[in-house]
Amino acid sequence: MIKTATLALFALAAVLSSPVHAGESTPEAYVPGMGEIMGATQMRHAKVWFAGEASNWDLAQYELDEIEEGFADAVAYHPTFKQGARIADILPRFVTEPVDDLRKAAKAKDKAQFARAFDRLTEGCNACHAATGNSFIKIKRPAPGLYSNQDFTARTE
């Protein structure tokens, strides 16, 4: 009996402490803007490069997963962007193959192949920007020291 009463009190407390009360509407869920999604993608782009340069192939793969997640968010949240650009049609055309090639290079632990694939991804990013009317956004290989608070070397166990 005490257990039931205690559970009922916890349930009531949860309902009363909820930010949404009877008669109020549920707040809208946050949707990141395209700038936030692409800003995070640019950060991941740099981290992929640094991971590859350090031969930390696990980190490179992780950051590639994150880049793909960002691309999926761009398509899901902004299927049509400024000037009517259909992101779902445009984005895969420019980035799918280079990302796949980067994965293969990381799996093969081939730095030369990785550098070529990375440059192709960078070119794809810039081509996508041009196709969406944003050619003023130019991506390039990152300079060393950009993420001085992260050690990119691979763990040895």
C-alpha atoms as a PDB file:
ATOM      1  CA  MET A   1       0.000   0.000   0.000  1.00  0.00           C
ATOM      2  CA  ILE A   2       2.797   2.413   0.844  1.00  0.00           C
ATOM      3  CA  LYS A   3       4.522   1.636  -2.448  1.00  0.00           C
ATOM      4  CA  THR A   4       1.372   2.541  -4.399  1.00  0.00           C
ATOM      5  CA  ALA A   5       0.925   5.793  -2.479  1.00  0.00           C
ATOM      6  CA  THR A   6       4.575   6.708  -2.964  1.00  0.00           C
ATOM      7  CA  LEU A   7       4.400   6.020  -6.689  1.00  0.00           C
ATOM      8  CA  ALA A   8       1.227   8.096  -6.935  1.00  0.00           C
ATOM      9  CA  LEU A   9       2.940  11.005  -5.166  1.00  0.00           C
ATOM     10  CA  PHE A  10       5.940  10.796  -7.511  1.00  0.00           C
ATOM     11  CA  ALA A  11       3.628  10.740 -10.517  1.00  0.00           C
ATOM     12  CA  LEU A  12       1.687  13.761  -9.234  1.00  0.00           C
ATOM     13  CA  ALA A  13       4.915  15.639  -8.524  1.00  0.00           C
ATOM     14  CA  ALA A  14       6.142  14.906 -12.039  1.00  0.00           C
ATOM     15  CA  VAL A  15       2.931  16.227 -13.576  1.00  0.00           C
ATOM     16  CA  LEU A  16       2.893  19.371 -11.412  1.00  0.00           C
ATOM     17  CA  SER A  17       6.551  20.140 -12.052  1.00  0.00           C
ATOM     18  CA  SER A  18       6.148  19.735 -15.816  1.00  0.00           C
ATOM     19  CA  PRO A  19       6.705  22.989 -17.732  1.00  0.00           C
ATOM     20  CA  VAL A  20       3.503  22.370 -19.711  1.00  0.00           C
ATOM     21  CA  HIS A  21       0.280  22.558 -17.691  1.00  0.00           C
ATOM     22  CA  ALA A  22      -3.330  22.043 -18.683  1.00  0.00           C
ATOM     23  CA  GLY A  23      -4.415  24.568 -21.266  1.00  0.00           C
ATOM     24  CA  GLU A  24      -0.873  25.434 -22.351  1.00  0.00           C
ATOM     25  CA  SER A  25       0.533  24.372 -25.689  1.00  0.00           C
ATOM     26  CA  THR A  26       3.642  22.265 -25.982  1.00  0.00           C
ATOM     27  CA  PRO A  27       6.699  24.353 -26.859  1.00  0.00           C
ATOM     28  CA  GLU A  28       8.059  23.820 -30.361  1.00  0.00           C
ATOM     29  CA  ALA A  29      11.040  21.536 -30.699  1.00  0.00           C
ATOM     30  CA  TYR A  30      14.301  23.237 -31.606  1.00  0.00           C
ATOM     31  CA  VAL A  31      15.247  22.849 -35.254  1.00  0.00           C
ATOM     32  CA  PRO A  32      18.844  23.747 -36.082  1.00  0.00           C
ATOM     33  CA  GLY A  33      19.286  26.164 -38.943  1.00  0.00           C
ATOM     34  CA  MET A  34      21.256  25.208 -42.017  1.00  0.00           C
ATOM     35  CA  GLY A  35      24.087  27.438 -40.770  1.00  0.00           C
ATOM     36  CA  GLU A  36      24.312  25.504 -37.502  1.00  0.00           C
ATOM     37  CA  ILE A  37      24.268  22.165 -39.298  1.00  0.00           C
ATOM     38  CA  MET A  38      26.911  23.217 -41.814  1.00  0.00           C
ATOM     39  CA  GLY A  39      29.034  24.900 -39.139  1.00  0.00           C
ATOM     40  CA  ALA A  40      29.162  21.612 -37.241  1.00  0.00           C
ATOM     41  CA  THR A  41      29.891  19.811 -40.515  1.00  0.00           C
ATOM     42  CA  GLN A  42      32.797  22.171 -41.189  1.00  0.00           C
ATOM     43  CA  MET A  43      34.208  21.376 -37.746  1.00  0.00           C
ATOM     44  CA  ARG A  44      33.878  17.639 -38.454  1.00  0.00           C
ATOM     45  CA  HIS A  45      35.514  18.131 -41.861  1.00  0.00           C
ATOM     46  CA  ALA A  46      38.576  19.589 -40.133  1.00  0.00           C
ATOM     47  CA  LYS A  47      38.651  16.849 -37.526  1.00  0.00           C
ATOM     48  CA  VAL A  48      38.487  14.154 -40.215  1.00  0.00           C
ATOM     49  CA  TRP A  49      41.564  15.710 -41.799  1.00  0.00           C
ATOM     50  CA  PHE A  50      43.521  15.901 -38.544  1.00  0.00           C
ATOM     51  CA  ALA A  51      42.569  12.336 -37.641  1.00  0.00           C
ATOM     52  CA  GLY A  52      43.760  11.082 -41.039  1.00  0.00           C
ATOM     53  CA  GLU A  53      46.984  13.047 -40.787  1.00  0.00           C
ATOM     54  CA  ALA A  54      47.623  11.406 -37.410  1.00  0.00           C
ATOM     55  CA  SER A  55      46.654   7.955 -38.773  1.00  0.00           C
ATOM     56  CA  ASN A  56      43.880   7.775 -36.189  1.00  0.00           C
ATOM     57  CA  TRP A  57      41.565   5.828 -38.467  1.00  0.00           C
ATOM     58  CA  ASP A  58      38.993   5.091 -35.759  1.00  0.00           C
ATOM     59  CA  LEU A  59      38.553   8.814 -35.104  1.00  0.00           C
ATOM     60  CA  ALA A  60      38.388   9.510 -38.848  1.00  0.00           C
ATOM     61  CA  GLN A  61      35.600   6.935 -39.196  1.00  0.00           C
ATOM     62  CA  TYR A  62      33.762   8.418 -36.211  1.00  0.00           C
ATOM     63  CA  GLU A  63      33.924  11.940 -37.633  1.00  0.00           C
ATOM     64  CA  LEU A  64      32.746  10.665 -41.029  1.00  0.00           C
ATOM     65  CA  ASP A  65      29.729   9.125 -39.283  1.00  0.00           C
ATOM     66  CA  GLU A  66      29.049  12.509 -37.697  1.00  0.00           C
ATOM     67  CA  ILE A  67      29.371  14.291 -41.050  1.00  0.00           C
ATOM     68  CA  GLU A  68      26.849  11.909 -42.585  1.00  0.00           C
ATOM     69  CA  GLU A  69      24.514  12.500 -39.653  1.00  0.00           C
ATOM     70  CA  GLY A  70      24.776  16.239 -40.266  1.00  0.00           C
ATOM     71  CA  PHE A  71      24.024  15.772 -43.956  1.00  0.00           C
ATOM     72  CA  ALA A  72      20.966  13.680 -43.031  1.00  0.00           C
ATOM     73  CA  ASP A  73      19.834  16.474 -40.692  1.00  0.00           C
ATOM     74  CA  ALA A  74      20.264  19.045 -43.474  1.00  0.00           C
ATOM     75  CA  VAL A  75      18.024  16.979 -45.748  1.00  0.00           C
ATOM     76  CA  ALA A  76      15.462  16.251 -43.001  1.00  0.00           C
ATOM     77  CA  TYR A  77      15.183  19.770 -41.581  1.00  0.00           C
ATOM     78  CA  HIS A  78      15.789  21.803 -44.741  1.00  0.00           C
ATOM     79  CA  PRO A  79      14.675  19.719 -47.747  1.00  0.00           C
ATOM     80  CA  THR A  80      14.284  22.921 -49.756  1.00  0.00           C
ATOM     81  CA  PHE A  81      16.760  25.670 -49.035  1.00  0.00           C
ATOM     82  CA  LYS A  82      17.087  29.256 -50.233  1.00  0.00           C
ATOM     83  CA  GLN A  83      16.315  29.901 -53.890  1.00  0.00           C
ATOM     84  CA  GLY A  84      14.319  26.653 -53.907  1.00  0.00           C
ATOM     85  CA  ALA A  85      17.420  24.454 -53.840  1.00  0.00           C
ATOM     86  CA  ARG A  86      16.352  20.829 -53.217  1.00  0.00           C
ATOM     87  CA  ILE A  87      18.962  19.739 -50.678  1.00  0.00           C
ATOM     88  CA  ALA A  88      17.764  16.127 -50.832  1.00  0.00           C
ATOM     89  CA  ASP A  89      18.685  16.081 -54.545  1.00  0.00           C
ATOM     90  CA  ILE A  90      21.776  18.290 -54.498  1.00  0.00           C
ATOM     91  CA  LEU A  91      23.721  17.154 -51.428  1.00  0.00           C
ATOM     92  CA  PRO A  92      24.096  13.446 -52.262  1.00  0.00           C
ATOM     93  CA  ARG A  93      25.277  14.287 -55.772  1.00  0.00           C
ATOM     94  CA  PHE A  94      28.320  16.105 -54.417  1.00  0.00           C
ATOM     95  CA  VAL A  95      29.272  14.306 -51.202  1.00  0.00           C
ATOM     96  CA  THR A  96      28.188  10.654 -51.247  1.00  0.00           C
ATOM     97  CA  GLU A  97      31.029   9.295 -53.370  1.00  0.00           C
ATOM     98  CA  PRO A  98      33.794  11.328 -51.680  1.00  0.00           C
ATOM     99  CA  VAL A  99      32.596  10.264 -48.216  1.00  0.00           C
ATOM    100  CA  ASP A 100      32.519   6.624 -49.350  1.00  0.00           C
ATOM    101  CA  ASP A 101      36.054   7.012 -50.732  1.00  0.00           C
ATOM    102  CA  LEU A 102      37.228   8.540 -47.451  1.00  0.00           C
ATOM    103  CA  ARG A 103      35.792   5.560 -45.580  1.00  0.00           C
ATOM    104  CA  LYS A 104      37.614   3.131 -47.866  1.00  0.00           C
ATOM    105  CA  ALA A 105      40.878   5.027 -47.429  1.00  0.00           C
ATOM    106  CA  ALA A 106      40.506   5.085 -43.636  1.00  0.00           C
ATOM    107  CA  LYS A 107      39.694   1.378 -43.610  1.00  0.00           C
ATOM    108  CA  ALA A 108      42.761   0.699 -45.782  1.00  0.00           C
ATOM    109  CA  LYS A 109      44.832   3.045 -43.571  1.00  0.00           C
ATOM    110  CA  ASP A 110      46.133   4.668 -46.764  1.00  0.00           C
ATOM    111  CA  LYS A 111      47.172   8.287 -46.148  1.00  0.00           C
ATOM    112  CA  ALA A 112      47.695   9.132 -49.831  1.00  0.00           C
ATOM    113  CA  GLN A 113      44.304   7.743 -50.811  1.00  0.00           C
ATOM    114  CA  PHE A 114      42.795   9.515 -47.798  1.00  0.00           C
ATOM    115  CA  ALA A 115      44.261  12.890 -48.840  1.00  0.00           C
ATOM    116  CA  ARG A 116      42.881  12.526 -52.391  1.00  0.00           C
ATOM    117  CA  ALA A 117      39.437  11.555 -51.103  1.00  0.00           C
ATOM    118  CA  PHE A 118      39.476  14.388 -48.589  1.00  0.00           C
ATOM    119  CA  ASP A 119      40.274  16.889 -51.333  1.00  0.00           C
ATOM    120  CA  ARG A 120      37.416  15.447 -53.416  1.00  0.00           C
ATOM    121  CA  LEU A 121      35.043  15.886 -50.472  1.00  0.00           C
ATOM    122  CA  THR A 122      36.224  19.472 -50.082  1.00  0.00           C
ATOM    123  CA  GLU A 123      35.621  20.088 -53.798  1.00  0.00           C
ATOM    124  CA  GLY A 124      32.175  18.505 -53.388  1.00  0.00           C
ATOM    125  CA  CYS A 125      31.358  20.839 -50.514  1.00  0.00           C
ATOM    126  CA  ASN A 126      32.313  23.853 -52.607  1.00  0.00           C
ATOM    127  CA  ALA A 127      30.359  22.564 -55.622  1.00  0.00           C
ATOM    128  CA  CYS A 128      27.298  22.060 -53.405  1.00  0.00           C
ATOM    129  CA  HIS A 129      27.669  25.597 -52.081  1.00  0.00           C
ATOM    130  CA  ALA A 130      27.792  26.905 -55.665  1.00  0.00           C
ATOM    131  CA  ALA A 131      24.719  24.846 -56.637  1.00  0.00           C
ATOM    132  CA  THR A 132      22.752  26.356 -53.748  1.00  0.00           C
ATOM    133  CA  GLY A 133      23.784  29.948 -54.480  1.00  0.00           C
ATOM    134  CA  ASN A 134      26.395  30.078 -51.720  1.00  0.00           C
ATOM    135  CA  SER A 135      29.637  30.022 -53.719  1.00  0.00           C
ATOM    136  CA  PHE A 136      31.008  32.689 -51.370  1.00  0.00           C
ATOM    137  CA  ILE A 137      31.427  29.870 -48.798  1.00  0.00           C
ATOM    138  CA  LYS A 138      34.717  28.181 -49.712  1.00  0.00           C
ATOM    139  CA  ILE A 139      36.003  25.212 -47.761  1.00  0.00           C
ATOM    140  CA  LYS A 140      39.664  24.143 -47.778  1.00  0.00           C
ATOM    141  CA  ARG A 141      42.063  21.865 -45.953  1.00  0.00           C
ATOM    142  CA  PRO A 142      42.368  23.022 -42.360  1.00  0.00           C
ATOM    143  CA  ALA A 143      45.555  24.542 -40.999  1.00  0.00           C
ATOM    144  CA  PRO A 144      47.418  22.794 -38.164  1.00  0.00           C
ATOM    145  CA  GLY A 145      46.607  23.882 -34.635  1.00  0.00           C
ATOM    146  CA  LEU A 146      42.916  24.519 -35.301  1.00  0.00           C
ATOM    147  CA  TYR A 147      41.910  22.111 -32.525  1.00  0.00           C
ATOM    148  CA  SER A 148      44.785  22.492 -30.121  1.00  0.00           C
ATOM    149  CA  ASN A 149      42.632  21.124 -27.305  1.00  0.00           C
ATOM    150  CA  GLN A 150      42.331  17.638 -28.863  1.00  0.00           C
ATOM    151  CA  ASP A 151      45.004  14.996 -29.275  1.00  0.00           C
ATOM    152  CA  PHE A 152      44.475  13.340 -32.643  1.00  0.00           C
ATOM    153  CA  THR A 153      47.042  10.571 -32.219  1.00  0.00           C
ATOM    154  CA  ALA A 154      45.686   7.046 -32.210  1.00  0.00           C
ATOM    155  CA  ARG A 155      45.570   5.150 -28.934  1.00  0.00           C
ATOM    156  CA  THR A 156      47.942   2.241 -28.718  1.00  0.00           C
ATOM    157  CA  GLU A 157      46.912  -0.582 -26.474  1.00  0.00           C
END
